[in-house]
Protein backbone atom coordinates (compact mmCIF):
# COMPACT_ATOMS: atom_id res chain seq x y z
CA MET A 1 -21.35 -6.31 1.98
CA ALA A 2 -19.27 -5.48 5.06
CA SER A 3 -20.65 -3.25 7.77
CA ASN A 4 -18.85 -0.16 9.04
CA SER A 5 -17.39 -2.23 11.87
CA THR A 6 -15.28 -4.45 9.61
CA PRO A 7 -11.70 -4.72 10.95
CA LEU A 8 -10.36 -3.96 7.50
CA GLY A 9 -11.75 -0.45 7.76
CA LEU A 10 -13.96 -0.44 4.66
CA ARG A 11 -16.13 2.60 5.32
CA ARG A 12 -17.12 4.70 2.33
CA ARG A 13 -19.47 2.82 0.03
CA PRO A 14 -19.08 5.00 -3.12
CA GLN A 15 -15.31 4.43 -3.20
CA LEU A 16 -15.40 0.76 -2.23
CA SER A 17 -13.50 -0.43 -5.29
CA GLU A 18 -10.74 2.10 -4.53
CA GLU A 19 -10.52 0.83 -0.96
CA VAL A 20 -10.29 -2.76 -2.15
CA ALA A 21 -7.55 -1.72 -4.59
CA SER A 22 -5.70 0.03 -1.74
CA ILE A 23 -5.79 -3.09 0.43
CA LEU A 24 -4.54 -5.32 -2.40
CA ARG A 25 -1.93 -2.76 -3.42
CA HIS A 26 -0.49 -2.65 0.08
CA LYS A 27 -0.44 -6.45 0.31
CA ILE A 28 1.52 -6.59 -2.93
CA MET A 29 3.95 -3.87 -1.82
CA LYS A 30 4.54 -5.68 1.49
CA ALA A 31 4.99 -9.05 -0.28
CA GLU A 32 2.02 -10.56 1.49
CA LEU A 33 0.97 -11.44 -2.06
CA LEU A 34 4.02 -12.62 -4.01
CA PRO A 35 4.53 -12.26 -7.78
CA GLY A 36 2.66 -14.92 -9.70
CA THR A 37 0.11 -15.47 -6.93
CA PRO A 38 -3.43 -15.75 -8.31
CA ILE A 39 -5.97 -13.29 -6.93
CA ARG A 40 -9.34 -14.99 -7.09
CA MET A 41 -12.26 -12.60 -7.11
CA ASP A 42 -14.67 -14.81 -5.17
CA GLU A 43 -12.16 -15.56 -2.41
CA THR A 44 -11.06 -11.94 -2.16
CA ALA A 45 -14.66 -10.75 -1.94
CA VAL A 46 -15.35 -13.16 0.93
CA GLU A 47 -12.13 -12.17 2.72
CA LEU A 48 -12.95 -8.46 2.53
CA GLY A 49 -16.67 -8.89 3.13
CA VAL A 50 -17.73 -7.23 -0.12
CA SER A 51 -19.43 -8.30 -3.34
CA VAL A 52 -17.46 -9.45 -6.37
CA THR A 53 -18.15 -6.23 -8.30
CA PRO A 54 -15.80 -3.88 -6.38
CA VAL A 55 -13.12 -6.58 -6.40
CA ARG A 56 -13.39 -6.86 -10.18
CA GLU A 57 -13.21 -3.07 -10.52
CA ALA A 58 -10.22 -2.95 -8.18
CA LEU A 59 -8.35 -5.58 -10.17
CA LEU A 60 -8.98 -3.69 -13.40
CA MET A 61 -7.57 -0.62 -11.70
CA LEU A 62 -4.49 -2.52 -10.50
CA ARG A 63 -3.95 -4.05 -13.93
CA GLY A 64 -3.82 -0.53 -15.36
CA GLU A 65 -1.14 0.31 -12.79
CA GLY A 66 0.92 -2.77 -13.62
CA MET A 67 0.37 -4.26 -10.17
CA VAL A 68 -1.41 -7.36 -11.48
CA ASP A 69 -1.50 -9.20 -14.79
CA SER A 70 -4.38 -11.01 -16.42
CA ALA A 71 -3.50 -14.60 -17.29
CA PRO A 72 -5.49 -16.96 -19.55
CA HIS A 73 -7.53 -19.45 -17.50
CA ARG A 74 -6.05 -18.02 -14.28
CA GLY A 75 -7.77 -14.68 -13.94
CA TYR A 76 -5.47 -12.15 -12.29
CA VAL A 77 -2.01 -12.81 -10.87
CA VAL A 78 0.36 -10.52 -8.96
CA ALA A 79 2.87 -8.84 -11.28
CA ASP A 80 6.62 -8.74 -10.71
CA LEU A 81 7.96 -6.13 -8.31
CA SER A 82 11.71 -5.46 -8.48
CA ARG A 83 14.09 -3.55 -6.25
CA THR A 84 14.34 -1.00 -9.04
CA ASP A 85 10.56 -0.58 -9.01
CA VAL A 86 10.63 0.23 -5.29
CA GLU A 87 13.54 2.64 -5.69
CA ASP A 88 11.79 4.38 -8.61
CA ILE A 89 8.56 4.79 -6.64
CA PHE A 90 10.32 6.56 -3.80
CA TRP A 91 12.54 8.57 -6.17
CA LEU A 92 9.42 9.92 -7.87
CA GLN A 93 7.81 10.74 -4.51
CA GLY A 94 10.99 12.43 -3.31
CA GLU A 95 11.37 14.56 -6.43
CA ALA A 96 7.80 15.84 -6.24
CA ALA A 97 7.98 16.45 -2.49
CA ALA A 98 11.33 18.24 -2.81
CA LYS A 99 9.94 20.69 -5.37
CA ILE A 100 6.93 21.36 -3.17
CA ALA A 101 9.23 21.98 -0.18
CA ARG A 102 11.44 24.41 -2.11
CA ARG A 103 8.42 26.31 -3.32
CA THR A 104 6.85 26.38 0.14
CA ALA A 105 10.02 27.79 1.71
CA GLY A 106 9.69 30.88 -0.46
CA MET A 107 6.06 31.59 0.38
CA ILE A 108 5.23 30.17 3.81
CA GLY A 109 3.99 32.51 6.52
CA ASP A 110 4.26 32.30 10.29
CA GLU A 111 0.64 31.21 10.62
CA ASP A 112 1.28 28.39 8.17
CA ILE A 113 4.24 27.25 10.22
CA ASP A 114 2.02 27.22 13.30
CA VAL A 115 -0.38 24.90 11.46
CA LEU A 116 2.47 22.50 10.67
CA VAL A 117 3.77 22.63 14.25
CA ALA A 118 0.31 21.71 15.54
CA ALA A 119 0.13 18.83 13.05
CA VAL A 120 3.50 17.53 14.20
CA ASP A 121 2.40 17.77 17.83
CA ARG A 122 -0.61 15.57 17.03
CA LEU A 123 1.62 13.13 15.20
CA ARG A 124 3.99 12.99 18.18
CA GLU A 125 1.11 12.17 20.51
CA ALA A 126 0.03 9.36 18.20
CA VAL A 127 3.56 7.96 17.98
CA VAL A 128 3.95 8.03 21.76
CA SER A 129 0.59 6.30 22.21
CA GLY A 130 1.59 3.54 19.81
CA ASP A 131 -1.75 3.83 17.99
CA ALA A 132 -0.84 2.88 14.40
CA THR A 133 -4.16 4.07 13.01
CA ALA A 134 -3.76 7.47 14.65
CA VAL A 135 -0.16 7.67 13.40
CA ALA A 136 -1.25 7.03 9.81
CA GLU A 137 -4.10 9.55 10.04
CA THR A 138 -2.06 12.33 11.65
CA GLU A 139 0.81 11.82 9.21
CA PHE A 140 -1.66 12.14 6.35
CA ASP A 141 -3.04 15.31 7.97
CA PHE A 142 0.45 16.80 8.15
CA HIS A 143 1.14 16.26 4.46
CA ARG A 144 -2.31 17.46 3.45
CA ALA A 145 -1.77 20.71 5.38
CA HIS A 146 1.75 21.02 3.99
CA ASN A 147 0.69 20.57 0.39
CA ARG A 148 -2.15 23.08 0.74
CA ILE A 149 0.32 25.72 1.91
CA SER A 150 2.44 25.18 -1.19
CA ALA A 151 -0.42 26.08 -3.57
CA SER A 152 0.84 23.28 -5.82
CA SER A 153 -2.43 21.44 -6.33
CA LYS A 154 -1.50 19.56 -9.50
CA LEU A 155 1.95 18.52 -8.28
CA ALA A 156 0.45 17.53 -4.93
CA TRP A 157 -2.08 15.37 -6.80
CA PHE A 158 0.73 13.54 -8.60
CA LEU A 159 2.51 13.07 -5.28
CA ARG A 160 -0.62 11.62 -3.67
CA SER A 161 -0.98 9.26 -6.62
CA ALA A 162 2.60 8.06 -6.17
CA THR A 163 2.18 7.56 -2.43
CA ARG A 164 -0.61 5.04 -3.08
CA TYR A 165 2.20 2.51 -3.34
CA THR A 166 3.50 3.29 0.13
CA PRO A 167 2.36 0.62 2.65
CA TYR A 168 1.59 3.21 5.30
CA GLN A 169 0.19 0.67 7.75
CA MET A 170 3.58 -1.02 7.94
CA TYR A 171 5.31 2.28 8.65
CA ALA A 172 2.72 3.49 11.13
CA ALA A 173 3.27 0.38 13.27
CA ASP A 174 7.06 0.93 13.34
CA PRO A 175 8.21 3.15 16.27
CA GLY A 176 11.55 3.68 14.54
CA TRP A 177 9.83 5.09 11.50
CA GLY A 178 7.72 7.32 13.74
CA ALA A 179 10.81 8.76 15.41
CA ALA A 180 12.57 9.30 12.08
CA THR A 181 9.50 10.99 10.62
CA LEU A 182 9.17 13.35 13.57
CA ASP A 183 12.83 14.28 13.16
CA SER A 184 12.46 14.97 9.43
CA HIS A 185 9.37 17.10 10.11
CA ARG A 186 11.26 19.04 12.80
CA ARG A 187 14.09 19.74 10.33
CA LEU A 188 11.58 20.80 7.70
CA ILE A 189 9.88 23.28 10.01
CA GLU A 190 13.26 24.70 11.07
CA ALA A 191 14.09 25.19 7.39
CA TYR A 192 10.79 26.97 6.84
CA ARG A 193 11.42 29.27 9.80
CA ALA A 194 14.72 30.17 8.16
CA ARG A 195 13.03 30.46 4.73
CA ASP A 196 15.78 28.13 3.43
CA PRO A 197 14.64 26.15 0.35
CA LYS A 198 17.76 23.95 0.21
CA ALA A 199 17.41 22.91 3.84
CA ALA A 200 13.68 22.28 3.29
CA GLU A 201 14.43 20.04 0.34
CA ALA A 202 17.07 18.11 2.30
CA ALA A 203 14.71 17.64 5.22
CA ILE A 204 11.83 16.27 3.20
CA ARG A 205 14.11 13.99 1.16
CA LEU A 206 15.17 12.35 4.43
CA GLN A 207 11.70 10.95 4.93
CA PHE A 208 11.43 9.41 1.49
CA ALA A 209 14.96 7.98 1.61
CA ASP A 210 14.16 6.45 5.00
CA GLY A 211 10.89 5.04 3.67
CA ALA A 212 12.61 3.40 0.70
CA GLN A 213 15.28 1.86 2.92
CA ARG A 214 12.75 0.46 5.40
CA LEU A 215 10.58 -1.06 2.69
CA LEU A 216 13.55 -2.64 0.91
CA GLU A 217 14.79 -4.08 4.19
CA HIS A 218 11.36 -5.56 4.81
CA LEU A 219 11.13 -7.01 1.30
CA ASN A 220 14.64 -8.47 1.63
CA SER A 221 13.38 -10.42 4.63
CA THR A 222 10.62 -12.01 2.52
CA ASP A 223 10.67 -14.47 -0.39
CA ILE A 224 9.67 -11.91 -2.99
CA TRP A 225 12.89 -12.12 -4.99
CA THR A 226 13.75 -15.75 -4.34
CA HIS A 227 10.49 -17.69 -4.63
CA LYS A 228 9.48 -19.65 -7.68
CA LYS A 229 6.29 -18.48 -9.32
CA PRO A 230 3.34 -20.88 -9.26
């Protein structure tokens, strides 16, 4: 089993299968693993520095999500991922986030806004530093703080579940995405200062629309929709 120093960042032992699933999920969403590609448990376990058990559990999890299929005599293979799938994922995220933003605009206090401003300041520092890990972590912190303010725990849970399919590492390493995200957060905070739910919704939708466009552009540059399955 991998130590805490593994470059893949596998840290928390109790949730190891979830972390393996997250790594495989992001590889599929980024087309590092193309549809029809076999995922061999033994090879994946060696690559990630874990035992076969969490890999097996992760693949069962991904099969339930429709990310992989089980094939006779082939084990697990990557399932199809269409442009419509990608658009639907971000549409669902955007709808949930928009409702949270509208609700938050009607209840947010000045102290809450200060919390979000501080979170954006930390994100800006991470973007300027070019530290992709720090960018991903501070962006997560912003949304966690934002969703807590909304008092929409169940809707926020559904949103977090949908964002599992967002390859955040790809975005965090993109300075253009960082700049666009800071701008959408700035607009969102301005809308909250004005207690304007429509402006808040528009601001938060910008981020998800931008995310969908960037991922589709990336996938268009790969062979995901043109390759022949094995």
